[in-house]
Structure formats: structure tokens, C-alpha cells
Amino acid sequence: MTESNTALQSYIDRLVSLNKEKAQVADLIKELKSEAKNNGFDPTAMEELVKRILASEETLKKRREKEDLARIYAKALNQINLFD
């Protein structure tokens, strides 16, 4: 096996391993959301909070800009109550 083939095999092995771990983590997240739901929490709202916690500052800035523009449009259409 050439050095290049060895490196490729190493990358493939690591990707396989990481994808297996990813599937295990996805299962754990699913179980946790189910548990939270059974205890009266809304998993969708929790996921939104997690996204906001993990979002970069740039992503948050873009999200705020979109919300501000949506408010401007809503106000122009006399629909500002959609944001109450």
C-alpha cells in the first residue's frame, strides 16, 4: 500500500468511526428530547434555544436583521400585531 493509500484509508476509517458516533449522539438527543417532552417541556422550543446558544454572533446578527425587516413589512401592511 502506498503512503497515499494509507492516508486515504486512515481518513475513511476516521469518517466511518465519526459517523457511527454521530448516529449514537443523534439517538441520545432523540431520547433526551423524548424524556423532556414526557416531563412537560417542548422539545421544539428547547431546540430553538440550543440553536441560539450555539449560533455565532454573525448568525444572530443576520437573524435580527431579518426579523427587523419582517417587522417593517408587517408595519407597512398594518400587521404589526404579528410580533406581539
N, C-alpha and C. Protein backbone atom coordinates (compact mmCIF):
# COMPACT_ATOMS: atom_id res chain seq x y z
N MET A 1 0.85 -1.17 0.00
CA MET A 1 0.00 0.00 0.00
C MET A 1 0.90 1.24 0.00
N THR A 2 0.57 2.19 -0.85
CA THR A 2 1.37 3.41 -0.91
C THR A 2 1.04 4.31 0.26
N GLU A 3 1.88 5.30 0.46
CA GLU A 3 1.64 6.26 1.54
C GLU A 3 0.32 6.99 1.32
N SER A 4 0.02 7.30 0.07
CA SER A 4 -1.23 7.97 -0.26
C SER A 4 -2.43 7.08 0.06
N ASN A 5 -2.32 5.80 -0.27
CA ASN A 5 -3.41 4.87 0.02
C ASN A 5 -3.60 4.70 1.52
N THR A 6 -2.51 4.66 2.24
CA THR A 6 -2.57 4.54 3.70
C THR A 6 -3.27 5.74 4.31
N ALA A 7 -2.93 6.93 3.82
CA ALA A 7 -3.56 8.16 4.32
C ALA A 7 -5.05 8.14 4.01
N LEU A 8 -5.39 7.73 2.79
CA LEU A 8 -6.80 7.66 2.40
C LEU A 8 -7.55 6.69 3.29
N GLN A 9 -6.97 5.52 3.52
CA GLN A 9 -7.62 4.52 4.38
C GLN A 9 -7.82 5.06 5.79
N SER A 10 -6.84 5.81 6.27
CA SER A 10 -6.95 6.41 7.60
C SER A 10 -8.11 7.41 7.66
N TYR A 11 -8.23 8.25 6.63
CA TYR A 11 -9.34 9.21 6.59
C TYR A 11 -10.68 8.49 6.53
N ILE A 12 -10.76 7.46 5.69
CA ILE A 12 -12.01 6.71 5.58
C ILE A 12 -12.37 6.05 6.90
N ASP A 13 -11.40 5.44 7.55
CA ASP A 13 -11.65 4.80 8.85
C ASP A 13 -12.14 5.81 9.88
N ARG A 14 -11.53 6.98 9.90
CA ARG A 14 -11.94 8.03 10.84
C ARG A 14 -13.35 8.52 10.54
N LEU A 15 -13.67 8.69 9.23
CA LEU A 15 -15.01 9.13 8.85
C LEU A 15 -16.07 8.10 9.24
N VAL A 16 -15.77 6.82 9.03
CA VAL A 16 -16.69 5.77 9.44
C VAL A 16 -16.93 5.82 10.94
N SER A 17 -15.85 5.94 11.69
CA SER A 17 -15.94 5.99 13.14
C SER A 17 -16.76 7.21 13.61
N LEU A 18 -16.47 8.36 13.03
CA LEU A 18 -17.19 9.58 13.42
C LEU A 18 -18.66 9.50 13.05
N ASN A 19 -18.98 8.91 11.92
CA ASN A 19 -20.38 8.77 11.54
C ASN A 19 -21.12 7.83 12.46
N LYS A 20 -20.45 6.79 12.95
CA LYS A 20 -21.06 5.90 13.93
C LYS A 20 -21.33 6.66 15.23
N GLU A 21 -20.35 7.45 15.65
CA GLU A 21 -20.54 8.26 16.86
C GLU A 21 -21.66 9.26 16.67
N LYS A 22 -21.72 9.85 15.49
CA LYS A 22 -22.77 10.83 15.17
C LYS A 22 -24.15 10.19 15.30
N ALA A 23 -24.29 8.96 14.81
CA ALA A 23 -25.57 8.25 14.91
C ALA A 23 -25.91 7.97 16.37
N GLN A 24 -24.91 7.61 17.16
CA GLN A 24 -25.14 7.34 18.58
C GLN A 24 -25.57 8.62 19.30
N VAL A 25 -24.92 9.73 18.98
CA VAL A 25 -25.27 11.01 19.60
C VAL A 25 -26.69 11.42 19.18
N ALA A 26 -27.03 11.20 17.91
CA ALA A 26 -28.38 11.53 17.44
C ALA A 26 -29.43 10.72 18.21
N ASP A 27 -29.13 9.46 18.47
CA ASP A 27 -30.05 8.64 19.27
C ASP A 27 -30.18 9.18 20.69
N LEU A 28 -29.07 9.59 21.28
CA LEU A 28 -29.10 10.14 22.64
C LEU A 28 -29.91 11.44 22.68
N ILE A 29 -29.75 12.27 21.66
CA ILE A 29 -30.50 13.53 21.59
C ILE A 29 -32.00 13.23 21.47
N LYS A 30 -32.34 12.27 20.63
CA LYS A 30 -33.75 11.88 20.46
C LYS A 30 -34.33 11.39 21.78
N GLU A 31 -33.59 10.57 22.49
CA GLU A 31 -34.05 10.07 23.80
C GLU A 31 -34.23 11.21 24.80
N LEU A 32 -33.28 12.14 24.80
CA LEU A 32 -33.35 13.27 25.73
C LEU A 32 -34.56 14.15 25.44
N LYS A 33 -34.82 14.40 24.17
CA LYS A 33 -35.98 15.20 23.79
C LYS A 33 -37.27 14.50 24.20
N SER A 34 -37.32 13.20 24.02
CA SER A 34 -38.50 12.42 24.42
C SER A 34 -38.71 12.51 25.93
N GLU A 35 -37.64 12.38 26.68
CA GLU A 35 -37.71 12.49 28.13
C GLU A 35 -38.21 13.87 28.55
N ALA A 36 -37.66 14.90 27.91
CA ALA A 36 -38.08 16.27 28.23
C ALA A 36 -39.56 16.45 27.92
N LYS A 37 -40.00 15.92 26.78
CA LYS A 37 -41.41 16.04 26.40
C LYS A 37 -42.30 15.34 27.42
N ASN A 38 -41.88 14.17 27.86
CA ASN A 38 -42.64 13.43 28.87
C ASN A 38 -42.71 14.17 30.20
N ASN A 39 -41.79 15.10 30.42
CA ASN A 39 -41.79 15.90 31.64
C ASN A 39 -42.40 17.28 31.42
N GLY A 40 -43.10 17.45 30.29
CA GLY A 40 -43.86 18.67 30.07
C GLY A 40 -43.14 19.78 29.34
N PHE A 41 -41.96 19.51 28.83
CA PHE A 41 -41.22 20.54 28.10
C PHE A 41 -41.43 20.38 26.61
N ASP A 42 -41.30 21.47 25.88
CA ASP A 42 -41.47 21.47 24.43
C ASP A 42 -40.11 21.30 23.75
N PRO A 43 -39.84 20.14 23.18
CA PRO A 43 -38.54 19.90 22.55
C PRO A 43 -38.22 20.87 21.41
N THR A 44 -39.24 21.31 20.69
CA THR A 44 -39.01 22.25 19.59
C THR A 44 -38.50 23.58 20.14
N ALA A 45 -39.11 24.05 21.20
CA ALA A 45 -38.66 25.30 21.82
C ALA A 45 -37.26 25.12 22.41
N MET A 46 -37.02 23.97 22.99
CA MET A 46 -35.68 23.71 23.54
C MET A 46 -34.64 23.71 22.43
N GLU A 47 -34.96 23.10 21.29
CA GLU A 47 -34.03 23.06 20.16
C GLU A 47 -33.75 24.46 19.63
N GLU A 48 -34.78 25.30 19.61
CA GLU A 48 -34.58 26.69 19.16
C GLU A 48 -33.63 27.42 20.11
N LEU A 49 -33.79 27.20 21.40
CA LEU A 49 -32.90 27.82 22.37
C LEU A 49 -31.47 27.33 22.19
N VAL A 50 -31.31 26.03 21.97
CA VAL A 50 -29.97 25.47 21.76
C VAL A 50 -29.34 26.08 20.51
N LYS A 51 -30.12 26.20 19.43
CA LYS A 51 -29.60 26.82 18.20
C LYS A 51 -29.11 28.23 18.46
N ARG A 52 -29.89 28.98 19.25
CA ARG A 52 -29.49 30.36 19.54
C ARG A 52 -28.24 30.40 20.42
N ILE A 53 -28.14 29.48 21.35
CA ILE A 53 -26.96 29.43 22.21
C ILE A 53 -25.72 29.11 21.40
N LEU A 54 -25.84 28.20 20.45
CA LEU A 54 -24.70 27.75 19.67
C LEU A 54 -24.41 28.62 18.45
N ALA A 55 -25.34 29.48 18.07
CA ALA A 55 -25.17 30.30 16.87
C ALA A 55 -24.03 31.30 17.06
N SER A 56 -23.37 31.56 15.98
CA SER A 56 -22.31 32.56 16.02
C SER A 56 -22.93 33.95 16.11
N GLU A 57 -22.15 34.91 16.50
CA GLU A 57 -22.62 36.28 16.60
C GLU A 57 -23.09 36.79 15.24
N GLU A 58 -22.40 36.39 14.17
CA GLU A 58 -22.78 36.81 12.82
C GLU A 58 -24.14 36.24 12.45
N THR A 59 -24.38 35.00 12.80
CA THR A 59 -25.67 34.37 12.52
C THR A 59 -26.78 35.08 13.28
N LEU A 60 -26.51 35.41 14.53
CA LEU A 60 -27.51 36.13 15.33
C LEU A 60 -27.79 37.51 14.74
N LYS A 61 -26.76 38.18 14.27
CA LYS A 61 -26.93 39.50 13.66
C LYS A 61 -27.81 39.39 12.42
N LYS A 62 -27.55 38.40 11.58
CA LYS A 62 -28.36 38.21 10.37
C LYS A 62 -29.80 37.89 10.73
N ARG A 63 -30.00 37.07 11.76
CA ARG A 63 -31.36 36.72 12.19
C ARG A 63 -32.10 37.97 12.67
N ARG A 64 -31.41 38.82 13.45
CA ARG A 64 -32.04 40.05 13.93
C ARG A 64 -32.39 40.97 12.77
N GLU A 65 -31.51 41.05 11.78
CA GLU A 65 -31.77 41.89 10.61
C GLU A 65 -33.01 41.41 9.86
N LYS A 66 -33.15 40.10 9.69
CA LYS A 66 -34.33 39.53 9.02
C LYS A 66 -35.59 39.82 9.82
N GLU A 67 -35.51 39.68 11.14
CA GLU A 67 -36.67 39.96 11.99
C GLU A 67 -37.04 41.43 11.92
N ASP A 68 -36.05 42.31 11.92
CA ASP A 68 -36.32 43.75 11.82
C ASP A 68 -37.00 44.09 10.50
N LEU A 69 -36.53 43.50 9.41
CA LEU A 69 -37.12 43.75 8.11
C LEU A 69 -38.55 43.20 8.06
N ALA A 70 -38.77 42.04 8.64
CA ALA A 70 -40.11 41.47 8.69
C ALA A 70 -41.04 42.39 9.48
N ARG A 71 -40.55 42.98 10.56
CA ARG A 71 -41.35 43.94 11.33
C ARG A 71 -41.71 45.16 10.48
N ILE A 72 -40.76 45.65 9.71
CA ILE A 72 -41.01 46.81 8.84
C ILE A 72 -42.11 46.46 7.83
N TYR A 73 -41.99 45.28 7.21
CA TYR A 73 -43.01 44.86 6.25
C TYR A 73 -44.36 44.71 6.92
N ALA A 74 -44.39 44.10 8.10
CA ALA A 74 -45.65 43.90 8.82
C ALA A 74 -46.28 45.24 9.17
N LYS A 75 -45.46 46.19 9.58
CA LYS A 75 -45.97 47.52 9.92
C LYS A 75 -46.56 48.19 8.68
N ALA A 76 -45.89 48.04 7.55
CA ALA A 76 -46.38 48.63 6.30
C ALA A 76 -47.72 48.04 5.90
N LEU A 77 -47.97 46.81 6.27
CA LEU A 77 -49.22 46.13 5.94
C LEU A 77 -50.22 46.15 7.08
N ASN A 78 -49.94 46.99 8.09
CA ASN A 78 -50.79 47.07 9.28
C ASN A 78 -50.96 45.71 9.94
N GLN A 79 -49.90 44.94 9.98
CA GLN A 79 -49.92 43.61 10.59
C GLN A 79 -48.90 43.52 11.74
N ILE A 80 -48.55 44.65 12.32
CA ILE A 80 -47.51 44.68 13.35
C ILE A 80 -47.88 43.82 14.54
N ASN A 81 -49.18 43.56 14.75
CA ASN A 81 -49.61 42.70 15.86
C ASN A 81 -49.07 41.28 15.73
N LEU A 82 -48.56 40.90 14.57
CA LEU A 82 -47.96 39.58 14.41
C LEU A 82 -46.70 39.41 15.27
N PHE A 83 -46.14 40.52 15.72
CA PHE A 83 -44.92 40.48 16.51
C PHE A 83 -45.13 40.74 17.98
N ASP A 84 -46.39 40.75 18.41
CA ASP A 84 -46.69 40.94 19.85
C ASP A 84 -46.55 39.66 20.61
